[in-house]
Amino acid sequence: MDKLLELAQDCGFSVVLEGRIGTQEYNSVSGPLQALEKFAEIIREAALQEHPRKDE
């Protein structure tokens, strides 16, 4: 499974494979607001590790 989809599941989202056309997969991701907040915080922390803010 794609790393991003694994992360979404780890945060509490439900990930459903909707279909596949050739090699392209189509997924639906849904979940509670808390899962979105957790997902956003993990992405934010990863981005800051790659590109730290200069004013901190």
PDB file of N, CA and C in Angstrom:
ATOM      1  N   MET A   1       0.849  -1.184   0.000  1.00  0.00           N
ATOM      2  CA  MET A   1       0.000   0.000   0.000  1.00  0.00           C
ATOM      3  C   MET A   1       0.890   1.241   0.000  1.00  0.00           C
ATOM      4  N   ASP A   2       0.426   2.231  -0.631  1.00  0.00           N
ATOM      5  CA  ASP A   2       1.135   3.504  -0.712  1.00  0.00           C
ATOM      6  C   ASP A   2       1.413   4.045   0.697  1.00  0.00           C
ATOM      7  N   LYS A   3       2.619   4.607   0.882  1.00  0.00           N
ATOM      8  CA  LYS A   3       3.026   5.133   2.191  1.00  0.00           C
ATOM      9  C   LYS A   3       2.034   6.166   2.732  1.00  0.00           C
ATOM     10  N   LEU A   4       1.526   7.036   1.878  1.00  0.00           N
ATOM     11  CA  LEU A   4       0.574   8.056   2.299  1.00  0.00           C
ATOM     12  C   LEU A   4      -0.733   7.426   2.789  1.00  0.00           C
ATOM     13  N   LEU A   5      -1.195   6.397   2.099  1.00  0.00           N
ATOM     14  CA  LEU A   5      -2.414   5.720   2.524  1.00  0.00           C
ATOM     15  C   LEU A   5      -2.197   4.967   3.837  1.00  0.00           C
ATOM     16  N   GLU A   6      -1.007   4.393   4.022  1.00  0.00           N
ATOM     17  CA  GLU A   6      -0.685   3.733   5.290  1.00  0.00           C
ATOM     18  C   GLU A   6      -0.712   4.737   6.432  1.00  0.00           C
ATOM     19  N   LEU A   7      -0.142   5.903   6.196  1.00  0.00           N
ATOM     20  CA  LEU A   7      -0.138   6.961   7.204  1.00  0.00           C
ATOM     21  C   LEU A   7      -1.574   7.368   7.539  1.00  0.00           C
ATOM     22  N   ALA A   8      -2.411   7.509   6.528  1.00  0.00           N
ATOM     23  CA  ALA A   8      -3.811   7.866   6.754  1.00  0.00           C
ATOM     24  C   ALA A   8      -4.499   6.818   7.630  1.00  0.00           C
ATOM     25  N   GLN A   9      -4.266   5.551   7.348  1.00  0.00           N
ATOM     26  CA  GLN A   9      -4.854   4.488   8.168  1.00  0.00           C
ATOM     27  C   GLN A   9      -4.327   4.547   9.593  1.00  0.00           C
ATOM     28  N   ASP A  10      -3.038   4.777   9.756  1.00  0.00           N
ATOM     29  CA  ASP A  10      -2.441   4.871  11.093  1.00  0.00           C
ATOM     30  C   ASP A  10      -3.053   6.016  11.904  1.00  0.00           C
ATOM     31  N   CYS A  11      -3.497   7.059  11.218  1.00  0.00           N
ATOM     32  CA  CYS A  11      -4.096   8.216  11.891  1.00  0.00           C
ATOM     33  C   CYS A  11      -5.571   8.009  12.218  1.00  0.00           C
ATOM     34  N   GLY A  12      -6.166   6.944  11.694  1.00  0.00           N
ATOM     35  CA  GLY A  12      -7.565   6.648  12.001  1.00  0.00           C
ATOM     36  C   GLY A  12      -8.530   6.782  10.846  1.00  0.00           C
ATOM     37  N   PHE A  13      -8.004   7.012   9.636  1.00  0.00           N
ATOM     38  CA  PHE A  13      -8.875   7.091   8.467  1.00  0.00           C
ATOM     39  C   PHE A  13      -9.223   5.692   7.968  1.00  0.00           C
ATOM     40  N   SER A  14     -10.358   5.593   7.333  1.00  0.00           N
ATOM     41  CA  SER A  14     -10.739   4.388   6.619  1.00  0.00           C
ATOM     42  C   SER A  14     -10.325   4.589   5.162  1.00  0.00           C
ATOM     43  N   VAL A  15      -9.562   3.645   4.610  1.00  0.00           N
ATOM     44  CA  VAL A  15      -9.102   3.733   3.221  1.00  0.00           C
ATOM     45  C   VAL A  15      -9.722   2.573   2.453  1.00  0.00           C
ATOM     46  N   VAL A  16     -10.463   2.897   1.389  1.00  0.00           N
ATOM     47  CA  VAL A  16     -11.172   1.890   0.608  1.00  0.00           C
ATOM     48  C   VAL A  16     -10.703   1.964  -0.840  1.00  0.00           C
ATOM     49  N   LEU A  17     -10.359   0.815  -1.404  1.00  0.00           N
ATOM     50  CA  LEU A  17     -10.021   0.740  -2.824  1.00  0.00           C
ATOM     51  C   LEU A  17     -11.325   0.771  -3.608  1.00  0.00           C
ATOM     52  N   GLU A  18     -11.526   1.841  -4.359  1.00  0.00           N
ATOM     53  CA  GLU A  18     -12.757   2.003  -5.127  1.00  0.00           C
ATOM     54  C   GLU A  18     -12.685   1.324  -6.491  1.00  0.00           C
ATOM     55  N   GLY A  19     -11.488   1.280  -7.062  1.00  0.00           N
ATOM     56  CA  GLY A  19     -11.371   0.656  -8.369  1.00  0.00           C
ATOM     57  C   GLY A  19      -9.964   0.732  -8.901  1.00  0.00           C
ATOM     58  N   ARG A  20      -9.743   0.050  -9.998  1.00  0.00           N
ATOM     59  CA  ARG A  20      -8.442   0.034 -10.643  1.00  0.00           C
ATOM     60  C   ARG A  20      -8.658   0.030 -12.141  1.00  0.00           C
ATOM     61  N   ILE A  21      -7.969   0.939 -12.821  1.00  0.00           N
ATOM     62  CA  ILE A  21      -7.990   0.981 -14.279  1.00  0.00           C
ATOM     63  C   ILE A  21      -6.540   0.891 -14.715  1.00  0.00           C
ATOM     64  N   GLY A  22      -6.178  -0.226 -15.319  1.00  0.00           N
ATOM     65  CA  GLY A  22      -4.782  -0.460 -15.680  1.00  0.00           C
ATOM     66  C   GLY A  22      -3.942  -0.503 -14.415  1.00  0.00           C
ATOM     67  N   THR A  23      -2.943   0.347 -14.333  1.00  0.00           N
ATOM     68  CA  THR A  23      -2.097   0.382 -13.140  1.00  0.00           C
ATOM     69  C   THR A  23      -2.519   1.467 -12.153  1.00  0.00           C
ATOM     70  N   GLN A  24      -3.529   2.264 -12.508  1.00  0.00           N
ATOM     71  CA  GLN A  24      -3.987   3.357 -11.652  1.00  0.00           C
ATOM     72  C   GLN A  24      -5.040   2.865 -10.667  1.00  0.00           C
ATOM     73  N   GLU A  25      -4.825   3.115  -9.363  1.00  0.00           N
ATOM     74  CA  GLU A  25      -5.802   2.758  -8.346  1.00  0.00           C
ATOM     75  C   GLU A  25      -6.540   4.006  -7.874  1.00  0.00           C
ATOM     76  N   TYR A  26      -7.810   3.833  -7.556  1.00  0.00           N
ATOM     77  CA  TYR A  26      -8.643   4.920  -7.055  1.00  0.00           C
ATOM     78  C   TYR A  26      -9.122   4.537  -5.663  1.00  0.00           C
ATOM     79  N   ASN A  27      -8.802   5.384  -4.687  1.00  0.00           N
ATOM     80  CA  ASN A  27      -9.138   5.108  -3.295  1.00  0.00           C
ATOM     81  C   ASN A  27     -10.004   6.217  -2.725  1.00  0.00           C
ATOM     82  N   SER A  28     -10.811   5.854  -1.735  1.00  0.00           N
ATOM     83  CA  SER A  28     -11.555   6.823  -0.939  1.00  0.00           C
ATOM     84  C   SER A  28     -10.980   6.800   0.464  1.00  0.00           C
ATOM     85  N   VAL A  29     -10.833   7.978   1.056  1.00  0.00           N
ATOM     86  CA  VAL A  29     -10.316   8.107   2.410  1.00  0.00           C
ATOM     87  C   VAL A  29     -11.327   8.925   3.198  1.00  0.00           C
ATOM     88  N   SER A  30     -11.766   8.397   4.328  1.00  0.00           N
ATOM     89  CA  SER A  30     -12.709   9.138   5.163  1.00  0.00           C
ATOM     90  C   SER A  30     -12.428   8.848   6.626  1.00  0.00           C
ATOM     91  N   GLY A  31     -12.828   9.800   7.465  1.00  0.00           N
ATOM     92  CA  GLY A  31     -12.619   9.609   8.886  1.00  0.00           C
ATOM     93  C   GLY A  31     -13.027  10.823   9.679  1.00  0.00           C
ATOM     94  N   PRO A  32     -12.841  10.749  10.994  1.00  0.00           N
ATOM     95  CA  PRO A  32     -13.237  11.852  11.871  1.00  0.00           C
ATOM     96  C   PRO A  32     -12.257  13.024  11.795  1.00  0.00           C
ATOM     97  N   LEU A  33     -12.704  14.156  12.270  1.00  0.00           N
ATOM     98  CA  LEU A  33     -11.879  15.361  12.292  1.00  0.00           C
ATOM     99  C   LEU A  33     -10.578  15.126  13.062  1.00  0.00           C
ATOM    100  N   GLN A  34     -10.623  14.358  14.130  1.00  0.00           N
ATOM    101  CA  GLN A  34      -9.418  14.074  14.913  1.00  0.00           C
ATOM    102  C   GLN A  34      -8.363  13.365  14.067  1.00  0.00           C
ATOM    103  N   ALA A  35      -8.787  12.481  13.172  1.00  0.00           N
ATOM    104  CA  ALA A  35      -7.849  11.793  12.284  1.00  0.00           C
ATOM    105  C   ALA A  35      -7.200  12.792  11.333  1.00  0.00           C
ATOM    106  N   LEU A  36      -7.981  13.736  10.830  1.00  0.00           N
ATOM    107  CA  LEU A  36      -7.449  14.763   9.934  1.00  0.00           C
ATOM    108  C   LEU A  36      -6.438  15.639  10.666  1.00  0.00           C
ATOM    109  N   GLU A  37      -6.757  16.013  11.906  1.00  0.00           N
ATOM    110  CA  GLU A  37      -5.835  16.830  12.697  1.00  0.00           C
ATOM    111  C   GLU A  37      -4.520  16.089  12.949  1.00  0.00           C
ATOM    112  N   LYS A  38      -4.608  14.812  13.284  1.00  0.00           N
ATOM    113  CA  LYS A  38      -3.403  14.001  13.535  1.00  0.00           C
ATOM    114  C   LYS A  38      -2.583  13.880  12.253  1.00  0.00           C
ATOM    115  N   PHE A  39      -3.246  13.615  11.131  1.00  0.00           N
ATOM    116  CA  PHE A  39      -2.587  13.487   9.840  1.00  0.00           C
ATOM    117  C   PHE A  39      -1.875  14.792   9.480  1.00  0.00           C
ATOM    118  N   ALA A  40      -2.567  15.915   9.650  1.00  0.00           N
ATOM    119  CA  ALA A  40      -1.985  17.222   9.323  1.00  0.00           C
ATOM    120  C   ALA A  40      -0.761  17.514  10.193  1.00  0.00           C
ATOM    121  N   GLU A  41      -0.812  17.172  11.468  1.00  0.00           N
ATOM    122  CA  GLU A  41       0.315  17.417  12.360  1.00  0.00           C
ATOM    123  C   GLU A  41       1.536  16.580  11.967  1.00  0.00           C
ATOM    124  N   ILE A  42       1.319  15.339  11.589  1.00  0.00           N
ATOM    125  CA  ILE A  42       2.424  14.482  11.157  1.00  0.00           C
ATOM    126  C   ILE A  42       3.055  15.028   9.881  1.00  0.00           C
ATOM    127  N   ILE A  43       2.237  15.456   8.927  1.00  0.00           N
ATOM    128  CA  ILE A  43       2.748  16.026   7.676  1.00  0.00           C
ATOM    129  C   ILE A  43       3.502  17.318   7.955  1.00  0.00           C
ATOM    130  N   ARG A  44       2.958  18.163   8.845  1.00  0.00           N
ATOM    131  CA  ARG A  44       3.607  19.426   9.214  1.00  0.00           C
ATOM    132  C   ARG A  44       4.979  19.162   9.835  1.00  0.00           C
ATOM    133  N   GLU A  45       5.051  18.219  10.773  1.00  0.00           N
ATOM    134  CA  GLU A  45       6.323  17.900  11.427  1.00  0.00           C
ATOM    135  C   GLU A  45       7.349  17.385  10.413  1.00  0.00           C
ATOM    136  N   ALA A  46       6.903  16.541   9.481  1.00  0.00           N
ATOM    137  CA  ALA A  46       7.807  16.019   8.460  1.00  0.00           C
ATOM    138  C   ALA A  46       8.326  17.142   7.565  1.00  0.00           C
ATOM    139  N   ALA A  47       7.450  18.069   7.198  1.00  0.00           N
ATOM    140  CA  ALA A  47       7.859  19.194   6.348  1.00  0.00           C
ATOM    141  C   ALA A  47       8.865  20.081   7.075  1.00  0.00           C
ATOM    142  N   LEU A  48       8.631  20.328   8.372  1.00  0.00           N
ATOM    143  CA  LEU A  48       9.558  21.166   9.133  1.00  0.00           C
ATOM    144  C   LEU A  48      10.920  20.492   9.314  1.00  0.00           C
ATOM    145  N   GLN A  49      10.944  19.172   9.385  1.00  0.00           N
ATOM    146  CA  GLN A  49      12.217  18.463   9.477  1.00  0.00           C
ATOM    147  C   GLN A  49      13.012  18.607   8.187  1.00  0.00           C
ATOM    148  N   GLU A  50      12.316  18.591   7.067  1.00  0.00           N
ATOM    149  CA  GLU A  50      12.981  18.731   5.765  1.00  0.00           C
ATOM    150  C   GLU A  50      13.411  20.167   5.506  1.00  0.00           C
ATOM    151  N   HIS A  51      12.580  21.113   5.915  1.00  0.00           N
ATOM    152  CA  HIS A  51      12.813  22.539   5.643  1.00  0.00           C
ATOM    153  C   HIS A  51      12.534  23.337   6.913  1.00  0.00           C
ATOM    154  N   PRO A  52      13.463  23.352   7.867  1.00  0.00           N
ATOM    155  CA  PRO A  52      13.218  24.095   9.114  1.00  0.00           C
ATOM    156  C   PRO A  52      12.999  25.576   8.850  1.00  0.00           C
ATOM    157  N   ARG A  53      12.148  26.178   9.653  1.00  0.00           N
ATOM    158  CA  ARG A  53      11.912  27.617   9.537  1.00  0.00           C
ATOM    159  C   ARG A  53      13.142  28.351  10.020  1.00  0.00           C
ATOM    160  N   LYS A  54      13.488  29.407   9.340  1.00  0.00           N
ATOM    161  CA  LYS A  54      14.686  30.174   9.675  1.00  0.00           C
ATOM    162  C   LYS A  54      14.481  31.068  10.893  1.00  0.00           C
ATOM    163  N   ASP A  55      13.215  31.383  11.225  1.00  0.00           N
ATOM    164  CA  ASP A  55      12.965  32.286  12.348  1.00  0.00           C
ATOM    165  C   ASP A  55      12.803  31.556  13.680  1.00  0.00           C
ATOM    166  N   GLU A  56      12.962  30.227  13.687  1.00  0.00           N
ATOM    167  CA  GLU A  56      12.847  29.466  14.935  1.00  0.00           C
ATOM    168  C   GLU A  56      14.213  29.184  15.518  1.00  0.00           C
TER     169      GLU A  56
END
